[in-house]
C-alpha atoms as a PDB file:
ATOM      1  CA  MET A   1     -64.464 -59.123 -21.889  1.00  0.00           C
ATOM      2  CA  GLN A   2     -61.697 -58.700 -24.424  1.00  0.00           C
ATOM      3  CA  MET A   3     -62.242 -56.578 -27.523  1.00  0.00           C
ATOM      4  CA  GLU A   4     -60.560 -59.323 -29.595  1.00  0.00           C
ATOM      5  CA  THR A   5     -63.180 -61.840 -28.432  1.00  0.00           C
ATOM      6  CA  LEU A   6     -65.989 -59.587 -29.632  1.00  0.00           C
ATOM      7  CA  GLN A   7     -64.327 -59.132 -33.006  1.00  0.00           C
ATOM      8  CA  LYS A   8     -63.704 -62.887 -33.439  1.00  0.00           C
ATOM      9  CA  ASP A   9     -67.318 -63.651 -32.543  1.00  0.00           C
ATOM     10  CA  MET A  10     -68.536 -61.022 -34.996  1.00  0.00           C
ATOM     11  CA  ILE A  11     -66.457 -62.601 -37.786  1.00  0.00           C
ATOM     12  CA  ALA A  12     -67.783 -66.061 -36.839  1.00  0.00           C
ATOM     13  CA  ALA A  13     -71.358 -64.721 -37.025  1.00  0.00           C
ATOM     14  CA  MET A  14     -70.615 -63.233 -40.451  1.00  0.00           C
ATOM     15  CA  LYS A  15     -69.264 -66.560 -41.723  1.00  0.00           C
ATOM     16  CA  ALA A  16     -72.311 -68.370 -40.313  1.00  0.00           C
ATOM     17  CA  ARG A  17     -74.557 -65.778 -42.004  1.00  0.00           C
ATOM     18  CA  ASP A  18     -76.245 -65.094 -38.666  1.00  0.00           C
ATOM     19  CA  LYS A  19     -77.408 -61.530 -39.360  1.00  0.00           C
ATOM     20  CA  VAL A  20     -79.110 -60.920 -35.994  1.00  0.00           C
ATOM     21  CA  ARG A  21     -76.052 -62.044 -34.011  1.00  0.00           C
ATOM     22  CA  LYS A  22     -73.660 -60.142 -36.286  1.00  0.00           C
ATOM     23  CA  ASP A  23     -75.690 -56.940 -35.940  1.00  0.00           C
ATOM     24  CA  ALA A  24     -75.840 -57.182 -32.142  1.00  0.00           C
ATOM     25  CA  ILE A  25     -72.109 -57.838 -31.788  1.00  0.00           C
ATOM     26  CA  SER A  26     -71.313 -55.192 -34.395  1.00  0.00           C
ATOM     27  CA  THR A  27     -73.251 -52.655 -32.312  1.00  0.00           C
ATOM     28  CA  LEU A  28     -71.154 -53.585 -29.269  1.00  0.00           C
ATOM     29  CA  VAL A  29     -67.868 -53.348 -31.189  1.00  0.00           C
ATOM     30  CA  SER A  30     -68.670 -49.909 -32.599  1.00  0.00           C
ATOM     31  CA  ALA A  31     -69.865 -48.627 -29.207  1.00  0.00           C
ATOM     32  CA  VAL A  32     -66.653 -49.848 -27.554  1.00  0.00           C
ATOM     33  CA  LYS A  33     -64.523 -48.216 -30.258  1.00  0.00           C
ATOM     34  CA  LYS A  34     -66.424 -44.939 -29.910  1.00  0.00           C
ATOM     35  CA  ASN A  35     -65.958 -44.918 -26.123  1.00  0.00           C
ATOM     36  CA  ALA A  36     -62.281 -45.785 -26.516  1.00  0.00           C
ATOM     37  CA  ILE A  37     -61.777 -42.837 -28.874  1.00  0.00           C
ATOM     38  CA  ASP A  38     -63.696 -40.539 -26.507  1.00  0.00           C
ATOM     39  CA  GLU A  39     -61.425 -41.591 -23.633  1.00  0.00           C
ATOM     40  CA  GLY A  40     -58.273 -41.296 -25.735  1.00  0.00           C
ATOM     41  CA  CYS A  41     -57.214 -44.960 -25.647  1.00  0.00           C
ATOM     42  CA  ARG A  42     -57.889 -45.933 -29.244  1.00  0.00           C
ATOM     43  CA  ASP A  43     -55.213 -48.639 -29.525  1.00  0.00           C
ATOM     44  CA  ASP A  44     -55.105 -50.074 -26.003  1.00  0.00           C
ATOM     45  CA  ILE A  45     -58.737 -50.824 -25.108  1.00  0.00           C
ATOM     46  CA  LYS A  46     -59.005 -52.019 -21.523  1.00  0.00           C
ATOM     47  CA  GLU A  47     -61.397 -54.781 -20.410  1.00  0.00           C
ATOM     48  CA  GLU A  48     -63.039 -52.402 -17.916  1.00  0.00           C
ATOM     49  CA  LEU A  49     -64.043 -50.060 -20.757  1.00  0.00           C
ATOM     50  CA  VAL A  50     -65.432 -52.962 -22.808  1.00  0.00           C
ATOM     51  CA  ASP A  51     -67.452 -54.255 -19.830  1.00  0.00           C
ATOM     52  CA  ARG A  52     -68.820 -50.794 -19.046  1.00  0.00           C
ATOM     53  CA  THR A  53     -69.875 -50.292 -22.668  1.00  0.00           C
ATOM     54  CA  ILE A  54     -71.548 -53.714 -22.824  1.00  0.00           C
ATOM     55  CA  LEU A  55     -73.546 -52.934 -19.675  1.00  0.00           C
ATOM     56  CA  LYS A  56     -74.612 -49.590 -21.112  1.00  0.00           C
ATOM     57  CA  GLU A  57     -75.746 -51.217 -24.367  1.00  0.00           C
ATOM     58  CA  LEU A  58     -77.580 -53.898 -22.390  1.00  0.00           C
ATOM     59  CA  ASN A  59     -79.478 -51.209 -20.470  1.00  0.00           C
ATOM     60  CA  THR A  60     -80.327 -49.434 -23.732  1.00  0.00           C
ATOM     61  CA  VAL A  61     -81.777 -52.595 -25.293  1.00  0.00           C
ATOM     62  CA  LYS A  62     -83.636 -53.386 -22.066  1.00  0.00           C
ATOM     63  CA  GLU A  63     -85.221 -49.913 -22.206  1.00  0.00           C
ATOM     64  CA  GLN A  64     -86.188 -50.441 -25.850  1.00  0.00           C
ATOM     65  CA  LEU A  65     -87.778 -53.759 -24.927  1.00  0.00           C
ATOM     66  CA  GLU A  66     -89.754 -52.215 -22.064  1.00  0.00           C
ATOM     67  CA  THR A  67     -90.994 -49.195 -24.042  1.00  0.00           C
ATOM     68  CA  CYS A  68     -91.906 -51.126 -27.185  1.00  0.00           C
ATOM     69  CA  PRO A  69     -95.675 -51.141 -27.889  1.00  0.00           C
ATOM     70  CA  ALA A  70     -97.323 -54.485 -27.125  1.00  0.00           C
ATOM     71  CA  ASP A  71     -98.802 -54.804 -30.618  1.00  0.00           C
ATOM     72  CA  ARG A  72     -95.354 -54.600 -32.274  1.00  0.00           C
ATOM     73  CA  THR A  73     -94.352 -58.235 -31.786  1.00  0.00           C
ATOM     74  CA  ASP A  74     -91.813 -58.052 -34.618  1.00  0.00           C
ATOM     75  CA  LEU A  75     -89.879 -55.310 -32.809  1.00  0.00           C
ATOM     76  CA  LYS A  76     -90.214 -57.055 -29.454  1.00  0.00           C
ATOM     77  CA  GLU A  77     -88.706 -60.244 -30.917  1.00  0.00           C
ATOM     78  CA  GLU A  78     -85.836 -58.292 -32.481  1.00  0.00           C
ATOM     79  CA  TYR A  79     -85.076 -56.439 -29.215  1.00  0.00           C
ATOM     80  CA  GLN A  80     -85.337 -59.657 -27.196  1.00  0.00           C
ATOM     81  CA  ALA A  81     -82.900 -61.442 -29.531  1.00  0.00           C
ATOM     82  CA  ARG A  82     -80.462 -58.528 -29.283  1.00  0.00           C
ATOM     83  CA  TYR A  83     -80.849 -58.456 -25.482  1.00  0.00           C
ATOM     84  CA  ASP A  84     -80.140 -62.196 -25.232  1.00  0.00           C
ATOM     85  CA  ILE A  85     -77.005 -61.923 -27.381  1.00  0.00           C
ATOM     86  CA  ILE A  86     -75.617 -58.909 -25.512  1.00  0.00           C
ATOM     87  CA  SER A  87     -76.381 -60.659 -22.186  1.00  0.00           C
ATOM     88  CA  GLU A  88     -73.949 -63.418 -23.185  1.00  0.00           C
ATOM     89  CA  TYR A  89     -71.117 -60.883 -23.191  1.00  0.00           C
ATOM     90  CA  ALA A  90     -72.156 -58.863 -20.152  1.00  0.00           C
ATOM     91  CA  PRO A  91     -69.974 -59.270 -17.067  1.00  0.00           C
ATOM     92  CA  LYS A  92     -71.557 -60.958 -14.072  1.00  0.00           C
ATOM     93  CA  LEU A  93     -72.709 -58.261 -11.674  1.00  0.00           C
ATOM     94  CA  MET A  94     -72.508 -58.425  -7.902  1.00  0.00           C
ATOM     95  CA  SER A  95     -75.662 -59.288  -5.966  1.00  0.00           C
ATOM     96  CA  ALA A  96     -77.119 -57.025  -3.275  1.00  0.00           C
ATOM     97  CA  GLU A  97     -75.569 -59.249  -0.584  1.00  0.00           C
ATOM     98  CA  GLU A  98     -72.122 -59.030  -2.187  1.00  0.00           C
ATOM     99  CA  VAL A  99     -72.440 -55.246  -2.497  1.00  0.00           C
ATOM    100  CA  GLU A 100     -73.441 -54.992   1.164  1.00  0.00           C
ATOM    101  CA  GLN A 101     -70.466 -57.121   2.198  1.00  0.00           C
ATOM    102  CA  VAL A 102     -68.023 -54.975   0.185  1.00  0.00           C
ATOM    103  CA  LEU A 103     -69.526 -51.783   1.622  1.00  0.00           C
ATOM    104  CA  LYS A 104     -69.210 -53.042   5.192  1.00  0.00           C
ATOM    105  CA  GLU A 105     -65.631 -54.284   4.677  1.00  0.00           C
ATOM    106  CA  GLN A 106     -64.082 -51.483   2.630  1.00  0.00           C
ATOM    107  CA  PHE A 107     -66.212 -48.438   3.385  1.00  0.00           C
ATOM    108  CA  ALA A 108     -67.099 -48.827   7.071  1.00  0.00           C
ATOM    109  CA  GLU A 109     -65.840 -45.331   7.968  1.00  0.00           C
ATOM    110  CA  VAL A 110     -67.977 -43.619   5.325  1.00  0.00           C
ATOM    111  CA  LEU A 111     -71.009 -45.765   6.199  1.00  0.00           C
ATOM    112  CA  ALA A 112     -70.769 -44.546   9.778  1.00  0.00           C
ATOM    113  CA  THR A 113     -71.582 -41.002   8.630  1.00  0.00           C
ATOM    114  CA  LYS A 114     -75.040 -42.127   7.368  1.00  0.00           C
ATOM    115  CA  ASN A 115     -74.691 -39.433   4.662  1.00  0.00           C
ATOM    116  CA  LYS A 116     -76.071 -41.206   1.577  1.00  0.00           C
ATOM    117  CA  GLY A 117     -74.704 -38.677  -0.909  1.00  0.00           C
ATOM    118  CA  GLN A 118     -71.197 -38.869   0.538  1.00  0.00           C
ATOM    119  CA  ILE A 119     -71.304 -42.670   0.651  1.00  0.00           C
ATOM    120  CA  MET A 120     -72.437 -42.957  -2.976  1.00  0.00           C
ATOM    121  CA  LYS A 121     -69.763 -40.502  -4.080  1.00  0.00           C
ATOM    122  CA  THR A 122     -67.109 -42.597  -2.336  1.00  0.00           C
ATOM    123  CA  VAL A 123     -68.199 -46.106  -3.357  1.00  0.00           C
ATOM    124  CA  MET A 124     -69.338 -45.612  -6.967  1.00  0.00           C
ATOM    125  CA  PRO A 125     -65.861 -45.312  -8.530  1.00  0.00           C
ATOM    126  CA  SER A 126     -64.770 -48.662  -7.094  1.00  0.00           C
ATOM    127  CA  LEU A 127     -68.039 -50.524  -7.775  1.00  0.00           C
ATOM    128  CA  LYS A 128     -68.864 -49.037 -11.189  1.00  0.00           C
ATOM    129  CA  GLY A 129     -69.139 -51.814 -13.756  1.00  0.00           C
ATOM    130  CA  LYS A 130     -69.102 -54.485 -11.043  1.00  0.00           C
ATOM    131  CA  ALA A 131     -72.600 -53.910  -9.691  1.00  0.00           C
ATOM    132  CA  ASP A 132     -75.782 -52.293 -10.945  1.00  0.00           C
ATOM    133  CA  GLY A 133     -76.152 -48.676  -9.801  1.00  0.00           C
ATOM    134  CA  LYS A 134     -79.713 -49.300  -8.603  1.00  0.00           C
ATOM    135  CA  VAL A 135     -78.558 -52.212  -6.433  1.00  0.00           C
ATOM    136  CA  ILE A 136     -75.778 -50.082  -4.936  1.00  0.00           C
ATOM    137  CA  ASN A 137     -78.217 -47.232  -4.274  1.00  0.00           C
ATOM    138  CA  GLN A 138     -80.768 -49.499  -2.590  1.00  0.00           C
ATOM    139  CA  THR A 139     -78.091 -51.191  -0.472  1.00  0.00           C
ATOM    140  CA  VAL A 140     -76.667 -47.853   0.669  1.00  0.00           C
ATOM    141  CA  ALA A 141     -80.173 -46.603   1.514  1.00  0.00           C
ATOM    142  CA  LYS A 142     -80.832 -49.750   3.545  1.00  0.00           C
ATOM    143  CA  LEU A 143     -77.543 -49.396   5.436  1.00  0.00           C
ATOM    144  CA  CYS A 144     -78.206 -45.714   6.166  1.00  0.00           C
ATOM    145  CA  GLU A 145     -81.563 -46.565   7.733  1.00  0.00           C
ATOM    146  CA  SER A 146     -80.191 -49.192  10.091  1.00  0.00           C
END
């Protein structure tokens, strides 16, 4: 996802007076900018950084949705709307089968050790942002057992 796309969509939401959409996209834009400053690439924001930030924000909203009290329907609706909007921008993540295929193709040597910690340490940098960490963890555990 390009930073420019987020900014254009935020402006479009402002013009349409869509407050919920504008707020959700605005949250993403500010989170991306903050991460870019933290990593020292304020002017040249890479797509990988934007995608990683979007996934992190998506997880945050998902957590809010799950921990929200059942009797607070107003909050649940707000969190659900925000989750749906952020989901539109989230990169498509790899499935468990795709993760397993990548692990077997690219990391066969490390898989042979059956050392889960070592495998995770090796594969996470290349799969971060492309697949959910839980999916990677479960796939590695499954491959270590077999």
